[in-house]
Every structure is written in C-alpha cells, then in structure tokens.
C-alpha cells in the first residue's frame, strides 16, 4: 500500500487511475501531472521511487482538490444565493440554473443542485 494525501492505494494500481480518484482531478489533469513528472502513463503506483511519490504529494497538496474544492463550490453557490441573483434563486429552488428546459426534463437538475435548500 502506498499512502498519498490521506488515501491508501494498492501497489498494483495504475498511477493515472489512482490520481483520478481524488475529487477535482480528471483524465486530462492526471495526464498533465504525469507528463510534468515524466512518468509513464501506464506506471504502477508501487513502481515509483519514494522521491517521486514525495514530489507528487507536494504537487497535489498545492492544488485545490478534495474538501477545499467542495468548500469553494459550496461557497460560490452560497454567494450567488445571498446576492439574490437569478442563478442563486434557481439553485435555491433546485431548478436548472443555465437555461435548460423545465417542462419535461428537470430530474437531472434536481439531482445535481442538491445543496442545502434553505434560503
């Protein structure tokens, strides 16, 4: 097991997929991180030297990921609601905020806009 930023990863797991398990890091971002450190895209987590793991951990800790990113998104939505903007009101009601139709297909917006609805 390799420990990176509070998460344990199997040594046989691909490093690219392991990076994508962090909230806020997707396919493109993980590829860029691997390219920055000159790591083969199909490298296993267990095959990395400890100095590379340390450098990866330092890089990830400087980024806005996981709880920091979740908090930032929540604060942005709260700011819109407090301002009383159109988007903020739509978020508060759980409706689509970007102009999608509401006559027939509203279920996705109700799922995605699940932020505290008080306000």
N, C-alpha and C. Protein backbone atom coordinates (compact mmCIF):
# COMPACT_ATOMS: atom_id res chain seq x y z
N UNK A 1 0.84 -1.19 0.00
CA UNK A 1 0.00 0.00 0.00
C UNK A 1 0.88 1.25 0.00
N UNK A 2 0.49 2.20 -0.83
CA UNK A 2 1.19 3.47 -0.91
C UNK A 2 0.24 4.55 -0.42
N UNK A 3 0.74 5.41 0.44
CA UNK A 3 -0.07 6.44 1.10
C UNK A 3 0.21 7.79 0.44
N UNK A 4 -0.84 8.37 -0.21
CA UNK A 4 -0.72 9.68 -0.84
C UNK A 4 -1.88 10.55 -0.37
N UNK A 5 -1.56 11.61 0.32
CA UNK A 5 -2.54 12.60 0.81
C UNK A 5 -3.74 11.97 1.51
N UNK A 6 -3.49 11.09 2.45
CA UNK A 6 -4.57 10.52 3.23
C UNK A 6 -5.29 9.36 2.57
N UNK A 7 -4.87 8.94 1.39
CA UNK A 7 -5.51 7.81 0.71
C UNK A 7 -4.50 6.69 0.51
N UNK A 8 -4.93 5.47 0.77
CA UNK A 8 -4.09 4.30 0.51
C UNK A 8 -4.40 3.76 -0.87
N UNK A 9 -3.36 3.47 -1.63
CA UNK A 9 -3.52 2.91 -2.97
C UNK A 9 -2.76 1.60 -3.05
N UNK A 10 -3.35 0.62 -3.73
CA UNK A 10 -2.67 -0.65 -3.94
C UNK A 10 -1.44 -0.43 -4.81
N UNK A 11 -0.41 -1.21 -4.56
CA UNK A 11 0.82 -1.05 -5.34
C UNK A 11 0.64 -1.50 -6.79
N UNK A 12 -0.38 -2.32 -7.04
CA UNK A 12 -0.60 -2.81 -8.40
C UNK A 12 -1.50 -1.89 -9.22
N UNK A 13 -2.05 -0.87 -8.58
CA UNK A 13 -2.98 0.03 -9.28
C UNK A 13 -2.21 0.96 -10.21
N UNK A 14 -2.86 1.34 -11.30
CA UNK A 14 -2.25 2.30 -12.22
C UNK A 14 -2.24 3.68 -11.55
N UNK A 15 -1.14 4.38 -11.72
CA UNK A 15 -1.00 5.69 -11.09
C UNK A 15 -2.00 6.69 -11.64
N UNK A 16 -2.26 6.64 -12.94
CA UNK A 16 -3.20 7.57 -13.57
C UNK A 16 -4.60 7.42 -12.97
N UNK A 17 -5.05 6.18 -12.82
CA UNK A 17 -6.37 5.93 -12.24
C UNK A 17 -6.40 6.29 -10.75
N UNK A 18 -5.29 6.09 -10.08
CA UNK A 18 -5.23 6.45 -8.66
C UNK A 18 -5.33 7.95 -8.47
N UNK A 19 -4.69 8.71 -9.35
CA UNK A 19 -4.79 10.17 -9.26
C UNK A 19 -6.21 10.64 -9.54
N UNK A 20 -6.91 9.94 -10.44
CA UNK A 20 -8.27 10.34 -10.80
C UNK A 20 -9.26 10.08 -9.68
N UNK A 21 -8.87 9.34 -8.65
CA UNK A 21 -9.77 9.08 -7.53
C UNK A 21 -9.90 10.30 -6.62
N UNK A 22 -8.98 11.24 -6.75
CA UNK A 22 -9.10 12.48 -5.99
C UNK A 22 -10.17 13.35 -6.61
N UNK A 23 -11.02 13.95 -5.77
CA UNK A 23 -12.08 14.83 -6.25
C UNK A 23 -11.43 16.07 -6.83
N UNK A 24 -11.72 16.36 -8.08
CA UNK A 24 -11.17 17.54 -8.73
C UNK A 24 -10.06 17.23 -9.72
N UNK A 25 -9.67 15.95 -9.82
CA UNK A 25 -8.65 15.54 -10.78
C UNK A 25 -9.28 14.55 -11.73
N UNK A 26 -9.33 14.91 -13.00
CA UNK A 26 -9.93 14.04 -14.00
C UNK A 26 -8.87 13.46 -14.93
N UNK A 27 -9.32 13.00 -16.07
CA UNK A 27 -8.46 12.35 -17.05
C UNK A 27 -7.36 13.28 -17.55
N UNK A 28 -7.74 14.46 -17.99
CA UNK A 28 -6.77 15.41 -18.54
C UNK A 28 -5.77 15.87 -17.49
N UNK A 29 -6.28 16.19 -16.33
CA UNK A 29 -5.41 16.73 -15.29
C UNK A 29 -4.40 15.68 -14.82
N UNK A 30 -4.83 14.44 -14.68
CA UNK A 30 -3.90 13.39 -14.26
C UNK A 30 -2.84 13.16 -15.33
N UNK A 31 -3.23 13.24 -16.61
CA UNK A 31 -2.24 13.09 -17.69
C UNK A 31 -1.21 14.21 -17.64
N UNK A 32 -1.64 15.42 -17.35
CA UNK A 32 -0.71 16.55 -17.27
C UNK A 32 0.24 16.42 -16.09
N UNK A 33 -0.26 15.92 -14.98
CA UNK A 33 0.59 15.72 -13.81
C UNK A 33 1.65 14.67 -14.12
N UNK A 34 1.26 13.57 -14.76
CA UNK A 34 2.22 12.53 -15.12
C UNK A 34 3.26 13.07 -16.10
N UNK A 35 2.83 13.88 -17.05
CA UNK A 35 3.77 14.44 -18.02
C UNK A 35 4.74 15.41 -17.34
N UNK A 36 4.25 16.14 -16.36
CA UNK A 36 5.10 17.10 -15.66
C UNK A 36 6.24 16.40 -14.93
N UNK A 37 5.96 15.22 -14.38
CA UNK A 37 6.98 14.47 -13.66
C UNK A 37 7.65 13.40 -14.52
N UNK A 38 7.36 13.38 -15.82
CA UNK A 38 7.94 12.41 -16.78
C UNK A 38 7.72 10.97 -16.32
N UNK A 39 6.48 10.68 -15.99
CA UNK A 39 6.10 9.34 -15.57
C UNK A 39 5.32 8.69 -16.69
N UNK A 40 5.63 7.42 -16.95
CA UNK A 40 4.94 6.65 -17.99
C UNK A 40 3.46 6.55 -17.62
N UNK A 41 2.54 6.78 -18.58
CA UNK A 41 1.11 6.79 -18.25
C UNK A 41 0.57 5.47 -17.69
N UNK A 42 1.22 4.36 -18.00
CA UNK A 42 0.74 3.06 -17.50
C UNK A 42 1.57 2.57 -16.33
N UNK A 43 2.24 3.47 -15.63
CA UNK A 43 3.07 3.09 -14.50
C UNK A 43 2.20 2.66 -13.32
N UNK A 44 2.70 1.72 -12.57
CA UNK A 44 2.02 1.26 -11.37
C UNK A 44 2.47 2.10 -10.18
N UNK A 45 1.60 2.18 -9.18
CA UNK A 45 1.90 3.00 -8.01
C UNK A 45 3.10 2.44 -7.27
N UNK A 46 3.21 1.13 -7.18
CA UNK A 46 4.30 0.51 -6.43
C UNK A 46 5.66 0.63 -7.10
N UNK A 47 5.70 0.94 -8.39
CA UNK A 47 6.98 1.02 -9.08
C UNK A 47 7.64 2.39 -8.98
N UNK A 48 6.99 3.33 -8.32
CA UNK A 48 7.54 4.69 -8.21
C UNK A 48 8.55 4.77 -7.07
N UNK A 49 9.63 5.50 -7.28
CA UNK A 49 10.56 5.74 -6.16
C UNK A 49 9.94 6.69 -5.15
N UNK A 50 10.47 6.65 -3.95
CA UNK A 50 9.86 7.46 -2.88
C UNK A 50 9.99 8.95 -3.14
N UNK A 51 11.05 9.38 -3.80
CA UNK A 51 11.19 10.82 -4.06
C UNK A 51 10.14 11.30 -5.05
N UNK A 52 9.75 10.43 -6.00
CA UNK A 52 8.69 10.80 -6.94
C UNK A 52 7.35 10.88 -6.22
N UNK A 53 7.11 9.95 -5.30
CA UNK A 53 5.86 9.98 -4.53
C UNK A 53 5.82 11.24 -3.67
N UNK A 54 6.95 11.61 -3.10
CA UNK A 54 7.01 12.83 -2.30
C UNK A 54 6.74 14.06 -3.16
N UNK A 55 7.31 14.09 -4.36
CA UNK A 55 7.08 15.23 -5.27
C UNK A 55 5.62 15.28 -5.70
N UNK A 56 5.02 14.11 -5.98
CA UNK A 56 3.59 14.06 -6.34
C UNK A 56 2.73 14.57 -5.19
N UNK A 57 3.06 14.15 -3.98
CA UNK A 57 2.29 14.60 -2.81
C UNK A 57 2.40 16.11 -2.64
N UNK A 58 3.58 16.65 -2.85
CA UNK A 58 3.75 18.11 -2.74
C UNK A 58 2.95 18.83 -3.82
N UNK A 59 2.96 18.29 -5.03
CA UNK A 59 2.19 18.90 -6.13
C UNK A 59 0.69 18.86 -5.83
N UNK A 60 0.20 17.71 -5.35
CA UNK A 60 -1.23 17.57 -5.06
C UNK A 60 -1.65 18.45 -3.90
N UNK A 61 -0.78 18.61 -2.91
CA UNK A 61 -1.16 19.43 -1.75
C UNK A 61 -1.22 20.91 -2.10
N UNK A 62 -0.52 21.32 -3.17
CA UNK A 62 -0.59 22.72 -3.57
C UNK A 62 -1.82 23.02 -4.43
N UNK A 63 -2.52 21.97 -4.89
CA UNK A 63 -3.70 22.16 -5.74
C UNK A 63 -4.96 22.25 -4.89
N UNK A 64 -6.01 22.80 -5.47
CA UNK A 64 -7.31 22.86 -4.81
C UNK A 64 -8.09 21.61 -5.19
N UNK A 65 -8.05 20.60 -4.32
CA UNK A 65 -8.74 19.34 -4.58
C UNK A 65 -9.44 18.90 -3.30
N UNK A 66 -10.26 17.86 -3.43
CA UNK A 66 -10.97 17.24 -2.32
C UNK A 66 -11.84 18.24 -1.57
N UNK A 67 -11.69 18.34 -0.25
CA UNK A 67 -12.59 19.16 0.56
C UNK A 67 -12.45 20.64 0.28
N UNK A 68 -11.26 21.10 -0.07
CA UNK A 68 -11.10 22.52 -0.39
C UNK A 68 -11.94 22.90 -1.61
N UNK A 69 -11.93 22.04 -2.62
CA UNK A 69 -12.71 22.31 -3.83
C UNK A 69 -14.20 22.23 -3.55
N UNK A 70 -14.61 21.24 -2.76
CA UNK A 70 -16.04 21.14 -2.40
C UNK A 70 -16.49 22.38 -1.64
N UNK A 71 -15.66 22.85 -0.71
CA UNK A 71 -15.98 24.04 0.07
C UNK A 71 -16.06 25.27 -0.82
N UNK A 72 -15.15 25.36 -1.78
CA UNK A 72 -15.14 26.50 -2.70
C UNK A 72 -16.41 26.53 -3.55
N UNK A 73 -16.83 25.36 -4.06
CA UNK A 73 -18.06 25.30 -4.86
C UNK A 73 -19.27 25.67 -4.01
N UNK A 74 -19.32 25.14 -2.79
CA UNK A 74 -20.45 25.44 -1.90
C UNK A 74 -20.50 26.93 -1.57
N UNK A 75 -19.32 27.53 -1.34
CA UNK A 75 -19.28 28.97 -1.03
C UNK A 75 -19.70 29.81 -2.24
N UNK A 76 -19.32 29.38 -3.44
CA UNK A 76 -19.72 30.11 -4.65
C UNK A 76 -21.24 30.10 -4.81
N UNK A 77 -21.85 28.93 -4.59
CA UNK A 77 -23.31 28.84 -4.71
C UNK A 77 -23.98 29.65 -3.61
N UNK A 78 -23.42 29.60 -2.40
CA UNK A 78 -23.98 30.39 -1.30
C UNK A 78 -23.88 31.88 -1.59
N UNK A 79 -22.77 32.31 -2.21
CA UNK A 79 -22.60 33.72 -2.56
C UNK A 79 -23.65 34.15 -3.58
N UNK A 80 -23.92 33.28 -4.58
CA UNK A 80 -24.95 33.60 -5.57
C UNK A 80 -26.32 33.72 -4.92
N UNK A 81 -26.61 32.82 -3.98
CA UNK A 81 -27.90 32.87 -3.30
C UNK A 81 -28.04 34.12 -2.45
N UNK A 82 -26.98 34.47 -1.74
CA UNK A 82 -27.03 35.65 -0.86
C UNK A 82 -27.16 36.94 -1.65
N UNK A 83 -26.57 36.97 -2.85
CA UNK A 83 -26.69 38.15 -3.71
C UNK A 83 -28.11 38.31 -4.23
N UNK A 84 -28.82 37.20 -4.31
CA UNK A 84 -30.17 37.24 -4.85
C UNK A 84 -30.20 37.21 -6.35
N UNK A 85 -29.13 36.70 -6.96
CA UNK A 85 -29.09 36.65 -8.42
C UNK A 85 -30.04 35.57 -8.94
N UNK A 86 -30.29 35.61 -10.23
CA UNK A 86 -31.17 34.63 -10.86
C UNK A 86 -30.63 33.22 -10.65
N UNK A 87 -29.33 33.03 -10.90
CA UNK A 87 -28.73 31.71 -10.73
C UNK A 87 -28.82 31.25 -9.28
N UNK A 88 -28.63 32.16 -8.35
CA UNK A 88 -28.72 31.81 -6.94
C UNK A 88 -30.12 31.36 -6.55
N UNK A 89 -31.13 32.07 -7.06
CA UNK A 89 -32.51 31.66 -6.77
C UNK A 89 -32.81 30.30 -7.38
N UNK A 90 -32.32 30.05 -8.60
CA UNK A 90 -32.55 28.76 -9.25
C UNK A 90 -31.88 27.63 -8.46
N UNK A 91 -30.67 27.89 -7.96
CA UNK A 91 -30.01 26.89 -7.13
C UNK A 91 -30.80 26.63 -5.86
N UNK A 92 -31.32 27.69 -5.25
CA UNK A 92 -32.06 27.54 -4.01
C UNK A 92 -33.34 26.73 -4.21
N UNK A 93 -33.95 26.86 -5.38
CA UNK A 93 -35.18 26.11 -5.67
C UNK A 93 -34.90 24.73 -6.23
N UNK A 94 -33.63 24.44 -6.56
CA UNK A 94 -33.30 23.14 -7.12
C UNK A 94 -33.66 23.01 -8.58
N UNK A 95 -33.72 24.12 -9.29
CA UNK A 95 -34.09 24.11 -10.70
C UNK A 95 -32.85 24.33 -11.56
N UNK A 96 -32.92 24.06 -12.86
CA UNK A 96 -31.76 24.31 -13.72
C UNK A 96 -31.34 25.78 -13.68
N UNK A 97 -30.04 26.00 -13.59
CA UNK A 97 -29.55 27.37 -13.44
C UNK A 97 -29.00 27.94 -14.74
N UNK A 98 -28.92 27.14 -15.79
CA UNK A 98 -28.29 27.61 -17.03
C UNK A 98 -29.20 27.55 -18.24
N UNK A 99 -30.48 27.74 -18.04
CA UNK A 99 -31.37 27.90 -19.17
C UNK A 99 -31.95 26.63 -19.77
N UNK A 100 -31.77 25.49 -19.10
CA UNK A 100 -32.34 24.26 -19.64
C UNK A 100 -33.86 24.29 -19.49
N UNK A 101 -34.53 23.48 -20.27
CA UNK A 101 -35.97 23.45 -20.21
C UNK A 101 -36.43 22.75 -18.93
N UNK A 102 -37.59 23.18 -18.42
CA UNK A 102 -38.10 22.59 -17.19
C UNK A 102 -39.44 21.90 -17.40
N UNK A 103 -39.96 21.96 -18.62
CA UNK A 103 -41.28 21.38 -18.83
C UNK A 103 -41.25 19.87 -18.70
N UNK A 104 -40.22 19.24 -19.24
CA UNK A 104 -40.24 17.78 -19.22
C UNK A 104 -39.02 17.17 -18.53
N UNK A 105 -37.87 17.79 -18.63
CA UNK A 105 -36.69 17.12 -18.11
C UNK A 105 -36.04 17.96 -17.03
N UNK A 106 -36.46 17.73 -15.81
CA UNK A 106 -35.96 18.51 -14.69
C UNK A 106 -35.27 17.63 -13.66
N UNK A 107 -35.36 16.31 -13.83
CA UNK A 107 -34.85 15.38 -12.83
C UNK A 107 -33.35 15.53 -12.63
N UNK A 108 -32.61 15.74 -13.70
CA UNK A 108 -31.17 15.86 -13.58
C UNK A 108 -30.79 17.08 -12.76
N UNK A 109 -31.45 18.19 -12.99
CA UNK A 109 -31.14 19.41 -12.24
C UNK A 109 -31.48 19.22 -10.77
N UNK A 110 -32.55 18.52 -10.49
CA UNK A 110 -32.91 18.29 -9.09
C UNK A 110 -31.87 17.42 -8.39
N UNK A 111 -31.27 16.50 -9.15
CA UNK A 111 -30.20 15.67 -8.57
C UNK A 111 -28.93 16.49 -8.36
N UNK A 112 -28.55 17.26 -9.37
CA UNK A 112 -27.27 17.96 -9.32
C UNK A 112 -27.28 19.19 -8.43
N UNK A 113 -28.40 19.82 -8.26
CA UNK A 113 -28.47 21.04 -7.46
C UNK A 113 -28.83 20.75 -6.01
N UNK A 114 -28.45 19.58 -5.52
CA UNK A 114 -28.77 19.22 -4.15
C UNK A 114 -27.82 19.90 -3.18
N UNK A 115 -28.05 21.16 -2.98
CA UNK A 115 -27.33 21.93 -1.98
C UNK A 115 -28.38 22.28 -0.95
N UNK A 116 -27.95 22.65 0.25
CA UNK A 116 -28.95 22.99 1.25
C UNK A 116 -29.93 24.00 0.68
N UNK A 117 -31.21 23.69 0.73
CA UNK A 117 -32.23 24.44 0.04
C UNK A 117 -32.80 25.58 0.89
N UNK A 118 -32.29 25.80 2.06
CA UNK A 118 -32.83 26.86 2.91
C UNK A 118 -32.35 28.19 2.37
N UNK A 119 -33.25 29.13 2.23
CA UNK A 119 -32.81 30.46 1.83
C UNK A 119 -33.47 30.90 0.60
